[in-house]
C-alpha atoms as a PDB file:
ATOM      1  CA  UNK A   1     -22.780   6.189   4.880  1.00  0.00           C
ATOM      2  CA  UNK A   2     -22.075   3.072   6.887  1.00  0.00           C
ATOM      3  CA  UNK A   3     -18.585   1.591   7.314  1.00  0.00           C
ATOM      4  CA  UNK A   4     -18.189  -2.162   7.776  1.00  0.00           C
ATOM      5  CA  UNK A   5     -14.710  -3.057   9.053  1.00  0.00           C
ATOM      6  CA  UNK A   6     -12.785  -5.733   7.150  1.00  0.00           C
ATOM      7  CA  UNK A   7     -10.633  -7.669   9.652  1.00  0.00           C
ATOM      8  CA  UNK A   8      -7.233  -9.066   8.700  1.00  0.00           C
ATOM      9  CA  UNK A   9      -8.694 -12.584   8.291  1.00  0.00           C
ATOM     10  CA  UNK A  10     -10.998 -11.362   5.509  1.00  0.00           C
ATOM     11  CA  UNK A  11      -8.774  -8.706   3.951  1.00  0.00           C
ATOM     12  CA  UNK A  12      -7.683 -10.880   1.024  1.00  0.00           C
ATOM     13  CA  UNK A  13     -11.289 -11.251  -0.105  1.00  0.00           C
ATOM     14  CA  UNK A  14     -11.807  -7.488  -0.038  1.00  0.00           C
ATOM     15  CA  UNK A  15      -8.627  -6.751  -1.968  1.00  0.00           C
ATOM     16  CA  UNK A  16      -9.114  -4.820  -5.180  1.00  0.00           C
ATOM     17  CA  UNK A  17      -6.651  -3.265  -7.553  1.00  0.00           C
ATOM     18  CA  UNK A  18      -9.038  -0.369  -8.111  1.00  0.00           C
ATOM     19  CA  UNK A  19      -8.415   1.320  -4.726  1.00  0.00           C
ATOM     20  CA  UNK A  20      -6.739   4.679  -5.350  1.00  0.00           C
ATOM     21  CA  UNK A  21      -5.720   7.596  -3.112  1.00  0.00           C
ATOM     22  CA  UNK A  22      -8.431  10.168  -2.399  1.00  0.00           C
ATOM     23  CA  UNK A  23      -6.537  12.485  -0.038  1.00  0.00           C
ATOM     24  CA  UNK A  24      -3.371  12.671   2.036  1.00  0.00           C
ATOM     25  CA  UNK A  25      -4.085  14.635   5.213  1.00  0.00           C
ATOM     26  CA  UNK A  26      -1.395  16.009   7.473  1.00  0.00           C
ATOM     27  CA  UNK A  27      -1.407  17.998  10.672  1.00  0.00           C
ATOM     28  CA  UNK A  28       0.363  17.542  14.024  1.00  0.00           C
ATOM     29  CA  UNK A  29      -0.805  14.543  16.019  1.00  0.00           C
ATOM     30  CA  UNK A  30      -3.276  13.317  13.376  1.00  0.00           C
ATOM     31  CA  UNK A  31      -1.660   9.916  12.744  1.00  0.00           C
ATOM     32  CA  UNK A  32      -1.336   9.093  16.457  1.00  0.00           C
ATOM     33  CA  UNK A  33      -4.948  10.100  17.125  1.00  0.00           C
ATOM     34  CA  UNK A  34      -6.288   8.128  14.162  1.00  0.00           C
ATOM     35  CA  UNK A  35      -4.230   5.056  15.059  1.00  0.00           C
ATOM     36  CA  UNK A  36      -5.516   5.233  18.635  1.00  0.00           C
ATOM     37  CA  UNK A  37      -9.176   5.719  17.630  1.00  0.00           C
ATOM     38  CA  UNK A  38      -9.144   2.918  15.058  1.00  0.00           C
ATOM     39  CA  UNK A  39      -7.274   0.532  17.342  1.00  0.00           C
ATOM     40  CA  UNK A  40      -9.701   1.168  20.200  1.00  0.00           C
ATOM     41  CA  UNK A  41     -12.743   0.661  17.976  1.00  0.00           C
ATOM     42  CA  UNK A  42     -11.586  -2.166  15.670  1.00  0.00           C
ATOM     43  CA  UNK A  43      -8.465  -3.718  17.207  1.00  0.00           C
ATOM     44  CA  UNK A  44      -5.867  -5.064  14.802  1.00  0.00           C
ATOM     45  CA  UNK A  45      -5.650  -3.351  11.384  1.00  0.00           C
ATOM     46  CA  UNK A  46      -6.923  -5.085   8.236  1.00  0.00           C
ATOM     47  CA  UNK A  47      -3.346  -5.518   7.056  1.00  0.00           C
ATOM     48  CA  UNK A  48      -0.176  -5.777   9.041  1.00  0.00           C
ATOM     49  CA  UNK A  49       2.481  -3.634   7.421  1.00  0.00           C
ATOM     50  CA  UNK A  50       5.075  -2.698  10.008  1.00  0.00           C
ATOM     51  CA  UNK A  51       7.467  -0.168   8.592  1.00  0.00           C
ATOM     52  CA  UNK A  52       8.484   3.443   8.789  1.00  0.00           C
ATOM     53  CA  UNK A  53       6.347   4.656   5.885  1.00  0.00           C
ATOM     54  CA  UNK A  54       3.231   2.614   6.606  1.00  0.00           C
ATOM     55  CA  UNK A  55       2.304   1.062   9.959  1.00  0.00           C
ATOM     56  CA  UNK A  56      -1.479   0.545   9.702  1.00  0.00           C
ATOM     57  CA  UNK A  57      -4.213   0.077   7.141  1.00  0.00           C
ATOM     58  CA  UNK A  58      -7.864  -0.236   8.176  1.00  0.00           C
ATOM     59  CA  UNK A  59     -10.145  -1.311   5.324  1.00  0.00           C
ATOM     60  CA  UNK A  60     -13.922  -0.953   5.216  1.00  0.00           C
ATOM     61  CA  UNK A  61     -16.769  -1.935   2.950  1.00  0.00           C
ATOM     62  CA  UNK A  62     -19.012   1.103   2.537  1.00  0.00           C
ATOM     63  CA  UNK A  63     -22.749   0.547   2.612  1.00  0.00           C
ATOM     64  CA  UNK A  64     -25.475   2.957   1.544  1.00  0.00           C
ATOM     65  CA  UNK A  65     -23.344   4.658  -1.143  1.00  0.00           C
ATOM     66  CA  UNK A  66     -23.894   3.934  -4.833  1.00  0.00           C
ATOM     67  CA  UNK A  67     -20.701   2.945  -6.666  1.00  0.00           C
ATOM     68  CA  UNK A  68     -22.391   1.361  -9.679  1.00  0.00           C
ATOM     69  CA  UNK A  69     -21.509  -0.233 -11.964  1.00  0.00           C
ATOM     70  CA  UNK A  70     -19.071  -1.709  -9.418  1.00  0.00           C
ATOM     71  CA  UNK A  71     -20.591  -4.286  -7.071  1.00  0.00           C
ATOM     72  CA  UNK A  72     -19.167  -2.807  -3.867  1.00  0.00           C
ATOM     73  CA  UNK A  73     -17.293   0.132  -2.421  1.00  0.00           C
ATOM     74  CA  UNK A  74     -14.107  -0.015  -0.362  1.00  0.00           C
ATOM     75  CA  UNK A  75     -12.411   2.644   1.759  1.00  0.00           C
ATOM     76  CA  UNK A  76      -8.942   2.374   3.262  1.00  0.00           C
ATOM     77  CA  UNK A  77      -7.520   4.492   6.097  1.00  0.00           C
ATOM     78  CA  UNK A  78      -3.764   4.188   6.408  1.00  0.00           C
ATOM     79  CA  UNK A  79      -0.706   6.108   7.414  1.00  0.00           C
ATOM     80  CA  UNK A  80       1.739   6.907   4.675  1.00  0.00           C
ATOM     81  CA  UNK A  81       4.878   8.927   5.321  1.00  0.00           C
ATOM     82  CA  UNK A  82       3.333  10.460   8.456  1.00  0.00           C
ATOM     83  CA  UNK A  83       0.118  11.476   6.666  1.00  0.00           C
ATOM     84  CA  UNK A  84      -3.369  10.015   6.881  1.00  0.00           C
ATOM     85  CA  UNK A  85      -4.119   8.483   3.504  1.00  0.00           C
ATOM     86  CA  UNK A  86      -7.757   8.087   2.546  1.00  0.00           C
ATOM     87  CA  UNK A  87      -8.173   5.703  -0.378  1.00  0.00           C
ATOM     88  CA  UNK A  88     -11.154   4.201  -2.160  1.00  0.00           C
ATOM     89  CA  UNK A  89     -12.274   2.440  -5.295  1.00  0.00           C
ATOM     90  CA  UNK A  90     -15.097   4.974  -5.697  1.00  0.00           C
ATOM     91  CA  UNK A  91     -15.302   5.795  -9.421  1.00  0.00           C
ATOM     92  CA  UNK A  92     -13.194   2.788 -10.387  1.00  0.00           C
ATOM     93  CA  UNK A  93     -13.897  -0.836 -11.178  1.00  0.00           C
ATOM     94  CA  UNK A  94     -12.007  -3.792 -12.571  1.00  0.00           C
ATOM     95  CA  UNK A  95     -12.600  -4.770 -16.180  1.00  0.00           C
ATOM     96  CA  UNK A  96     -12.801  -8.448 -17.244  1.00  0.00           C
ATOM     97  CA  UNK A  97      -8.981  -8.549 -17.386  1.00  0.00           C
ATOM     98  CA  UNK A  98      -8.883  -7.230 -13.788  1.00  0.00           C
ATOM     99  CA  UNK A  99      -7.437  -3.875 -14.836  1.00  0.00           C
ATOM    100  CA  UNK A 100      -8.788  -0.725 -13.122  1.00  0.00           C
ATOM    101  CA  UNK A 101     -10.971   1.462 -15.340  1.00  0.00           C
ATOM    102  CA  UNK A 102     -12.755   4.701 -14.520  1.00  0.00           C
ATOM    103  CA  UNK A 103     -16.526   4.757 -14.247  1.00  0.00           C
ATOM    104  CA  UNK A 104     -18.966   7.636 -14.671  1.00  0.00           C
ATOM    105  CA  UNK A 105     -18.631   8.331 -10.938  1.00  0.00           C
ATOM    106  CA  UNK A 106     -14.895   9.079 -11.238  1.00  0.00           C
ATOM    107  CA  UNK A 107     -15.593  12.807 -11.615  1.00  0.00           C
ATOM    108  CA  UNK A 108     -17.326  12.798  -8.217  1.00  0.00           C
ATOM    109  CA  UNK A 109     -14.359  11.424  -6.245  1.00  0.00           C
ATOM    110  CA  UNK A 110     -13.600  14.784  -4.588  1.00  0.00           C
ATOM    111  CA  UNK A 111     -17.228  15.055  -3.426  1.00  0.00           C
ATOM    112  CA  UNK A 112     -17.080  11.493  -2.109  1.00  0.00           C
ATOM    113  CA  UNK A 113     -13.823  12.331  -0.319  1.00  0.00           C
ATOM    114  CA  UNK A 114     -15.477  15.288   1.432  1.00  0.00           C
ATOM    115  CA  UNK A 115     -18.432  13.100   2.391  1.00  0.00           C
ATOM    116  CA  UNK A 116     -16.056  10.461   3.776  1.00  0.00           C
ATOM    117  CA  UNK A 117     -14.101  13.044   5.770  1.00  0.00           C
ATOM    118  CA  UNK A 118     -17.318  14.402   7.292  1.00  0.00           C
ATOM    119  CA  UNK A 119     -18.381  10.889   8.217  1.00  0.00           C
ATOM    120  CA  UNK A 120     -15.013  10.117   9.810  1.00  0.00           C
ATOM    121  CA  UNK A 121     -15.131  13.319  11.850  1.00  0.00           C
ATOM    122  CA  UNK A 122     -18.617  12.524  13.119  1.00  0.00           C
ATOM    123  CA  UNK A 123     -18.536   8.731  13.508  1.00  0.00           C
ATOM    124  CA  UNK A 124     -14.949   8.123  14.606  1.00  0.00           C
ATOM    125  CA  UNK A 125     -14.087  11.574  15.990  1.00  0.00           C
ATOM    126  CA  UNK A 126     -11.167  11.729  13.550  1.00  0.00           C
ATOM    127  CA  UNK A 127     -10.269  15.337  12.695  1.00  0.00           C
ATOM    128  CA  UNK A 128      -9.731  15.357   8.932  1.00  0.00           C
ATOM    129  CA  UNK A 129      -9.555  19.078   8.223  1.00  0.00           C
ATOM    130  CA  UNK A 130      -6.204  20.851   8.250  1.00  0.00           C
END
């Protein structure tokens, strides 16, 4: 798995309505540690959403993971109500009317989520397990 950061200037072009929550992770200090790690590595988040419920959202294209029939794969790391929210369009794609529809990979979302969490722990030193 390889994550390619999507900076705020390019976020609009990465936007997809098919991104859905994979996991909400919560344990003491997790949000502060994740925010610090991502800020140090990537700088400004992909979207600027100052607020109490959501203060950062880092978006990545994911390379080396098959999400066919969709053309690409997106992962989002954000804080939501003091939890780390992992979201992705894995197992989803937009139909010709731009409505999200499930693909054959939808049933493997939990496995993809575990793979993503392992990658985040190793690559970004983000502790995802409770």
